[in-house]
Amino acid sequence: MNERLLTLLARTGGVLTAREARSVGLDAIDLSCLARTKELVRVRRDAYVEASRYHESSPDDRYRLVCRAVLATRGPHEALSHHSAVSTYGIDTFRLDRSVVDIDSPSVASTRIRARVRTHPQALAPQVLNGVKVVPLPLALAQLAGPRGVMSALCSMDNALHHDRCSMADIKAAIEHLQGRHQGSARAALALVDPASESVGESRLRIVLKDLGFDVTTQVDISRGPRFLGRVDALVDDLVAVEFDGLVKYEGVQGSQNLVAEKRRESSITDGGLEFVRVIWSELDDPVALATRVHQARGRALHRVRAADLVTHKAGSRTEIPA
């Protein structure tokens, strides 16, 4: 690859526009050749990403590269918005559509989509994050409730609030800048948030359980007398400890140690009177089966004498199992 181009890619973090390529002596034919030899990846007209960086990246990082490359071809006052901005901020997402890049622009009066770029009317002045123009994070989170829905929005809101990236008041204020019908969806998402949730999986688990009609308390500490047994993701009806299990933590040698520790913790909690239910990603898409499992566990717990004496408190307090 052209030495000057390599230097340019190092400066731009692996993204390139046709205009920038001309500054180091490369024209459209040169770019086509580099794309054909798989040294560059063409992500859109005039927008390219260094191939090695693109293919070595995770899906989320790859999407962020595409967003940056597309934005670099746009006007100076435009910014990444919606899920493109949320991803660029490094906030966890649910059902991120990586086929579309969202941009806020002062040059459009209504939303339009062309060549996998969705352009929206600009609501607030953009900010600059590591050299990339993005809408303010609270606005991007509120925007998610429009095209992606309440679940996608609340999952990312939970994540941002859990890591103190913004406040509920910030999001509430940002909602006022949304257009008409999207305000209702964003408010519905904000009403369901729980900053105690530690992952997208836990956020989804909480909402699915509540929608199934269970009384759910999140991030509950369990103890038996003076002995702390562990914290559970959710406690249902003060009888069933429900854990979201992403499985990744059980990979490799460290994962085996984690699995042993988890089994000991689970045994300690169940020996104290609670029932224990583990939930994986695929089970969140089958709420009927999940409801059956939790109801069965609840029934078993009701037949255990000590479960009736449980005292539960929100995260930060403790749930005590009589010794």
Protein backbone atom coordinates (compact mmCIF):
# COMPACT_ATOMS: atom_id res chain seq x y z
CA MET A 1 0.00 0.00 0.00
CA ASN A 2 1.08 3.58 -0.69
CA GLU A 3 3.33 4.76 2.17
CA ARG A 4 1.59 8.12 2.44
CA LEU A 5 -1.77 6.37 2.51
CA LEU A 6 -0.62 4.17 5.39
CA THR A 7 0.40 7.28 7.30
CA LEU A 8 -2.95 8.89 6.57
CA LEU A 9 -4.85 5.80 7.76
CA ALA A 10 -2.80 5.81 10.96
CA ARG A 11 -3.87 9.41 11.55
CA THR A 12 -7.55 8.80 10.77
CA GLY A 13 -7.87 5.57 12.72
CA GLY A 14 -8.35 3.42 9.63
CA VAL A 15 -11.08 5.36 7.83
CA LEU A 16 -10.66 7.18 4.53
CA THR A 17 -12.64 9.40 2.17
CA ALA A 18 -12.01 9.90 -1.51
CA ARG A 19 -11.18 13.54 -0.78
CA GLU A 20 -8.54 12.55 1.77
CA ALA A 21 -7.12 9.99 -0.67
CA ARG A 22 -6.61 12.73 -3.27
CA SER A 23 -4.52 14.65 -0.72
CA VAL A 24 -1.92 11.84 -0.88
CA GLY A 25 -2.07 11.46 -4.66
CA LEU A 26 -4.68 8.70 -5.09
CA ASP A 27 -7.62 9.01 -7.48
CA ALA A 28 -10.82 6.99 -7.96
CA ILE A 29 -9.05 4.35 -10.04
CA ASP A 30 -6.43 3.85 -7.34
CA LEU A 31 -9.13 3.43 -4.70
CA SER A 32 -10.98 0.91 -6.85
CA CYS A 33 -7.77 -1.09 -7.24
CA LEU A 34 -7.13 -1.05 -3.48
CA ALA A 35 -10.68 -2.22 -2.85
CA ARG A 36 -10.33 -4.94 -5.49
CA THR A 37 -7.07 -6.20 -3.92
CA LYS A 38 -8.82 -6.12 -0.52
CA GLU A 39 -6.52 -3.57 1.04
CA LEU A 40 -9.47 -1.22 1.55
CA VAL A 41 -13.14 -1.96 2.22
CA ARG A 42 -15.58 0.34 0.45
CA VAL A 43 -18.46 0.93 2.84
CA ARG A 44 -20.26 3.58 0.79
CA ARG A 45 -19.58 5.95 -2.05
CA ASP A 46 -16.36 7.85 -1.24
CA ALA A 47 -16.07 6.10 2.16
CA TYR A 48 -13.46 3.41 2.88
CA VAL A 49 -12.01 1.51 5.83
CA GLU A 50 -8.58 -0.12 6.05
CA ALA A 51 -9.29 -3.79 5.35
CA SER A 52 -7.01 -5.31 7.99
CA ARG A 53 -8.51 -3.15 10.72
CA TYR A 54 -12.04 -3.83 9.48
CA HIS A 55 -11.74 -7.62 9.42
CA GLU A 56 -9.89 -7.85 12.75
CA SER A 57 -12.54 -5.79 14.58
CA SER A 58 -15.50 -7.07 16.57
CA PRO A 59 -18.93 -6.50 14.99
CA ASP A 60 -19.52 -3.46 17.20
CA ASP A 61 -16.09 -1.95 16.48
CA ARG A 62 -16.56 -2.66 12.78
CA TYR A 63 -19.86 -0.82 12.83
CA ARG A 64 -18.22 2.13 14.57
CA LEU A 65 -15.60 2.24 11.82
CA VAL A 66 -18.33 2.30 9.18
CA CYS A 67 -20.14 5.11 11.02
CA ARG A 68 -16.98 7.19 11.17
CA ALA A 69 -16.20 6.61 7.50
CA VAL A 70 -19.70 7.57 6.41
CA LEU A 71 -19.76 10.66 8.63
CA ALA A 72 -16.43 11.78 7.19
CA THR A 73 -18.12 12.13 3.78
CA ARG A 74 -20.90 14.33 5.15
CA GLY A 75 -21.25 18.03 5.86
CA PRO A 76 -19.32 19.80 8.64
CA HIS A 77 -22.42 20.37 10.79
CA GLU A 78 -23.78 16.81 10.68
CA ALA A 79 -23.37 14.26 13.48
CA LEU A 80 -23.97 10.61 14.26
CA SER A 81 -27.30 10.07 16.01
CA HIS A 82 -29.64 7.36 17.31
CA HIS A 83 -28.01 3.92 17.59
CA SER A 84 -24.97 5.06 15.58
CA ALA A 85 -24.22 7.63 18.28
CA VAL A 86 -25.06 5.28 21.16
CA SER A 87 -22.64 2.70 19.75
CA THR A 88 -19.94 5.33 19.23
CA TYR A 89 -20.29 6.36 22.88
CA GLY A 90 -19.52 2.73 23.78
CA ILE A 91 -22.92 2.08 25.35
CA ASP A 92 -24.25 -1.48 25.14
CA THR A 93 -27.09 -1.96 22.68
CA PHE A 94 -29.85 -4.46 21.94
CA ARG A 95 -30.78 -5.41 18.39
CA LEU A 96 -28.45 -2.88 16.85
CA ASP A 97 -29.12 -2.57 13.11
CA ARG A 98 -25.61 -2.46 11.69
CA SER A 99 -26.88 -2.10 8.14
CA VAL A 100 -27.89 1.54 8.65
CA VAL A 101 -25.99 4.64 9.76
CA ASP A 102 -28.06 7.36 11.45
CA ILE A 103 -27.08 11.02 11.06
CA ASP A 104 -28.59 14.27 12.33
CA SER A 105 -28.40 17.07 9.79
CA PRO A 106 -29.48 20.74 9.79
CA SER A 107 -30.17 20.45 6.04
CA VAL A 108 -33.25 18.19 6.18
CA ALA A 109 -36.75 18.89 7.49
CA SER A 110 -37.87 15.27 7.77
CA THR A 111 -36.25 11.86 8.06
CA ARG A 112 -35.10 10.24 4.84
CA ILE A 113 -33.03 7.19 4.00
CA ARG A 114 -30.72 6.66 1.05
CA ALA A 115 -28.02 4.08 0.43
CA ARG A 116 -28.25 2.78 4.00
CA VAL A 117 -27.82 6.23 5.55
CA ARG A 118 -30.80 7.56 7.50
CA THR A 119 -30.74 11.34 7.85
CA HIS A 120 -32.81 13.09 10.52
CA PRO A 121 -33.56 16.76 11.26
CA GLN A 122 -31.03 18.09 13.72
CA ALA A 123 -32.46 18.42 17.24
CA LEU A 124 -29.46 19.68 19.23
CA ALA A 125 -25.99 20.97 18.43
CA PRO A 126 -23.51 18.09 18.17
CA GLN A 127 -20.64 17.27 20.49
CA VAL A 128 -17.19 15.95 19.59
CA LEU A 129 -16.15 12.56 20.97
CA ASN A 130 -12.60 11.48 20.14
CA GLY A 131 -12.73 13.56 16.99
CA VAL A 132 -16.17 12.28 15.92
CA LYS A 133 -19.25 14.50 15.90
CA VAL A 134 -22.15 12.92 17.77
CA VAL A 135 -25.42 14.13 19.23
CA PRO A 136 -25.40 14.41 23.05
CA LEU A 137 -25.68 10.98 24.68
CA PRO A 138 -29.03 11.64 26.47
CA LEU A 139 -30.58 12.61 23.14
CA ALA A 140 -29.16 9.56 21.36
CA LEU A 141 -30.61 7.30 24.07
CA ALA A 142 -34.01 8.97 23.76
CA GLN A 143 -33.88 8.70 19.96
CA LEU A 144 -33.50 4.90 20.20
CA ALA A 145 -37.11 4.54 21.30
CA GLY A 146 -38.29 5.72 17.89
CA PRO A 147 -37.04 3.33 15.19
CA ARG A 148 -35.75 0.59 17.51
CA GLY A 149 -38.52 0.45 20.13
CA VAL A 150 -38.88 0.67 23.89
CA MET A 151 -36.83 -2.45 24.71
CA SER A 152 -33.80 -1.30 22.73
CA ALA A 153 -33.97 2.14 24.32
CA LEU A 154 -34.34 1.00 27.91
CA CYS A 155 -31.50 -1.54 27.58
CA SER A 156 -29.10 1.20 26.49
CA MET A 157 -30.53 3.66 29.03
CA ASP A 158 -29.94 1.10 31.80
CA ASN A 159 -26.34 0.64 30.66
CA ALA A 160 -25.61 4.37 30.44
CA LEU A 161 -27.18 5.08 33.84
CA HIS A 162 -25.44 2.10 35.47
CA HIS A 163 -22.06 3.48 34.40
CA ASP A 164 -22.98 7.08 35.32
CA ARG A 165 -22.62 8.29 31.74
CA CYS A 166 -25.68 10.53 32.17
CA SER A 167 -28.66 10.97 34.49
CA MET A 168 -32.37 10.26 34.22
CA ALA A 169 -32.93 14.02 34.35
CA ASP A 170 -30.62 14.42 31.34
CA ILE A 171 -32.62 11.88 29.33
CA LYS A 172 -35.93 13.37 30.42
CA ALA A 173 -34.82 16.79 29.21
CA ALA A 174 -33.57 15.35 25.91
CA ILE A 175 -36.93 13.70 25.23
CA GLU A 176 -38.46 17.16 24.85
CA HIS A 177 -36.39 17.63 21.69
CA LEU A 178 -37.86 14.58 19.95
CA GLN A 179 -40.55 14.89 17.35
CA GLY A 180 -44.17 14.17 18.33
CA ARG A 181 -44.99 10.48 18.59
CA HIS A 182 -41.42 9.42 19.48
CA GLN A 183 -41.67 11.30 22.78
CA GLY A 184 -44.23 8.80 24.09
CA SER A 185 -42.01 5.81 23.31
CA ALA A 186 -38.99 7.45 24.91
CA ARG A 187 -40.95 8.32 28.06
CA ALA A 188 -42.23 4.73 28.25
CA ALA A 189 -38.64 3.45 28.06
CA LEU A 190 -37.41 5.90 30.70
CA ALA A 191 -40.22 4.83 33.06
CA LEU A 192 -38.92 1.25 32.93
CA VAL A 193 -35.20 1.89 33.50
CA ASP A 194 -33.27 0.38 36.39
CA PRO A 195 -29.67 1.59 36.78
CA ALA A 196 -28.93 -1.47 38.93
CA SER A 197 -29.03 -3.72 35.85
CA GLU A 198 -25.49 -4.68 34.92
CA SER A 199 -26.01 -5.92 31.37
CA VAL A 200 -28.41 -5.88 28.44
CA GLY A 201 -29.33 -9.45 29.29
CA GLU A 202 -30.31 -8.47 32.83
CA SER A 203 -32.36 -5.55 31.51
CA ARG A 204 -34.28 -7.80 29.15
CA LEU A 205 -34.74 -10.44 31.86
CA ARG A 206 -36.24 -7.87 34.24
CA ILE A 207 -38.76 -6.60 31.72
CA VAL A 208 -39.78 -10.06 30.50
CA LEU A 209 -40.39 -11.20 34.09
CA LYS A 210 -42.42 -8.09 34.89
CA ASP A 211 -44.44 -8.45 31.69
CA LEU A 212 -45.18 -12.03 32.76
CA GLY A 213 -46.74 -10.64 35.94
CA PHE A 214 -44.03 -11.47 38.47
CA ASP A 215 -43.00 -9.18 41.32
CA VAL A 216 -39.32 -8.55 40.57
CA THR A 217 -36.60 -7.00 42.73
CA THR A 218 -33.20 -6.56 41.05
CA GLN A 219 -29.67 -6.99 42.37
CA VAL A 220 -30.54 -8.49 45.75
CA ASP A 221 -27.95 -9.54 48.33
CA ILE A 222 -28.70 -12.90 49.97
CA SER A 223 -27.42 -13.78 53.44
CA ARG A 224 -28.01 -16.44 56.08
CA GLY A 225 -27.44 -15.04 59.52
CA PRO A 226 -24.04 -13.27 59.42
CA ARG A 227 -22.96 -15.19 56.32
CA PHE A 228 -23.24 -13.44 52.95
CA LEU A 229 -24.18 -15.95 50.27
CA GLY A 230 -24.11 -13.77 47.16
CA ARG A 231 -26.00 -11.29 45.03
CA VAL A 232 -28.62 -12.42 42.51
CA ASP A 233 -29.75 -10.58 39.37
CA ALA A 234 -33.43 -10.79 40.26
CA LEU A 235 -35.61 -12.08 43.08
CA VAL A 236 -39.12 -13.10 42.00
CA ASP A 237 -41.97 -12.99 44.52
CA ASP A 238 -39.34 -13.27 47.32
CA LEU A 239 -39.08 -16.97 46.46
CA VAL A 240 -37.06 -17.52 43.30
CA ALA A 241 -33.57 -16.25 42.52
CA VAL A 242 -33.29 -15.69 38.77
CA GLU A 243 -29.92 -15.19 37.11
CA PHE A 244 -29.13 -14.17 33.57
CA ASP A 245 -26.30 -16.35 32.32
CA GLY A 246 -24.30 -15.00 29.36
CA LEU A 247 -22.08 -18.15 29.39
CA VAL A 248 -18.99 -16.21 28.22
CA LYS A 249 -17.66 -16.06 31.80
CA TYR A 250 -17.37 -19.86 31.79
CA GLU A 251 -14.92 -20.08 28.87
CA GLY A 252 -11.29 -21.15 29.40
CA VAL A 253 -9.47 -22.00 32.64
CA GLN A 254 -10.76 -18.96 34.47
CA GLY A 255 -14.22 -19.85 33.23
CA SER A 256 -14.00 -23.29 34.85
CA GLN A 257 -13.12 -21.66 38.15
CA ASN A 258 -16.01 -19.24 37.74
CA LEU A 259 -18.37 -22.16 37.10
CA VAL A 260 -17.30 -23.94 40.30
CA ALA A 261 -17.76 -20.74 42.30
CA GLU A 262 -21.20 -20.16 40.75
CA LYS A 263 -22.32 -23.69 41.57
CA ARG A 264 -21.24 -23.25 45.21
CA ARG A 265 -23.07 -19.94 45.44
CA GLU A 266 -26.20 -21.46 43.91
CA SER A 267 -26.11 -24.40 46.31
CA SER A 268 -25.73 -22.08 49.31
CA ILE A 269 -28.73 -20.01 48.23
CA THR A 270 -30.97 -23.00 47.48
CA ASP A 271 -29.97 -24.70 50.74
CA GLY A 272 -31.27 -21.60 52.47
CA GLY A 273 -34.77 -22.00 51.02
CA LEU A 274 -34.81 -20.14 47.71
CA GLU A 275 -35.22 -21.81 44.34
CA PHE A 276 -32.72 -20.91 41.62
CA VAL A 277 -33.43 -20.41 37.91
CA ARG A 278 -30.73 -19.63 35.32
CA VAL A 279 -31.76 -17.98 32.07
CA ILE A 280 -29.76 -17.79 28.83
CA TRP A 281 -30.23 -15.49 25.82
CA SER A 282 -32.41 -17.85 23.78
CA GLU A 283 -34.85 -18.36 26.66
CA LEU A 284 -35.63 -14.62 26.72
CA ASP A 285 -37.21 -15.10 23.29
CA ASP A 286 -39.57 -17.77 24.65
CA PRO A 287 -41.46 -16.09 27.52
CA VAL A 288 -44.05 -18.88 27.77
CA ALA A 289 -41.37 -21.48 28.55
CA LEU A 290 -39.64 -19.07 30.92
CA ALA A 291 -42.89 -18.41 32.78
CA THR A 292 -43.40 -22.15 33.19
CA ARG A 293 -39.92 -22.60 34.67
CA VAL A 294 -40.32 -19.72 37.12
CA HIS A 295 -43.83 -20.81 38.18
CA GLN A 296 -42.55 -24.35 38.80
CA ALA A 297 -39.63 -23.01 40.86
CA ARG A 298 -42.02 -20.77 42.79
CA GLY A 299 -44.20 -23.77 43.57
CA ARG A 300 -41.23 -25.72 44.87
CA ALA A 301 -40.16 -22.80 47.05
CA LEU A 302 -43.62 -22.48 48.59
CA HIS A 303 -43.26 -26.02 49.90
CA ARG A 304 -40.03 -25.21 51.68
CA VAL A 305 -40.71 -24.01 55.20
CA ARG A 306 -37.83 -21.57 55.48
CA ALA A 307 -38.80 -19.62 52.35
CA ALA A 308 -41.78 -18.15 54.19
CA ASP A 309 -39.45 -16.33 56.60
CA LEU A 310 -37.49 -14.44 53.97
CA VAL A 311 -37.07 -10.70 54.36
CA THR A 312 -36.16 -8.89 51.14
CA HIS A 313 -34.69 -5.51 50.43
CA LYS A 314 -33.58 -3.59 47.36
CA ALA A 315 -29.96 -3.66 46.20
CA GLY A 316 -27.66 -2.20 48.82
CA SER A 317 -29.52 -3.95 51.63
CA ARG A 318 -29.60 -7.67 52.34
CA THR A 319 -32.06 -10.53 52.06
CA GLU A 320 -31.69 -12.70 55.15
CA ILE A 321 -32.37 -16.42 55.27
CA PRO A 322 -32.93 -17.58 58.87
CA ALA A 323 -30.08 -19.75 60.16
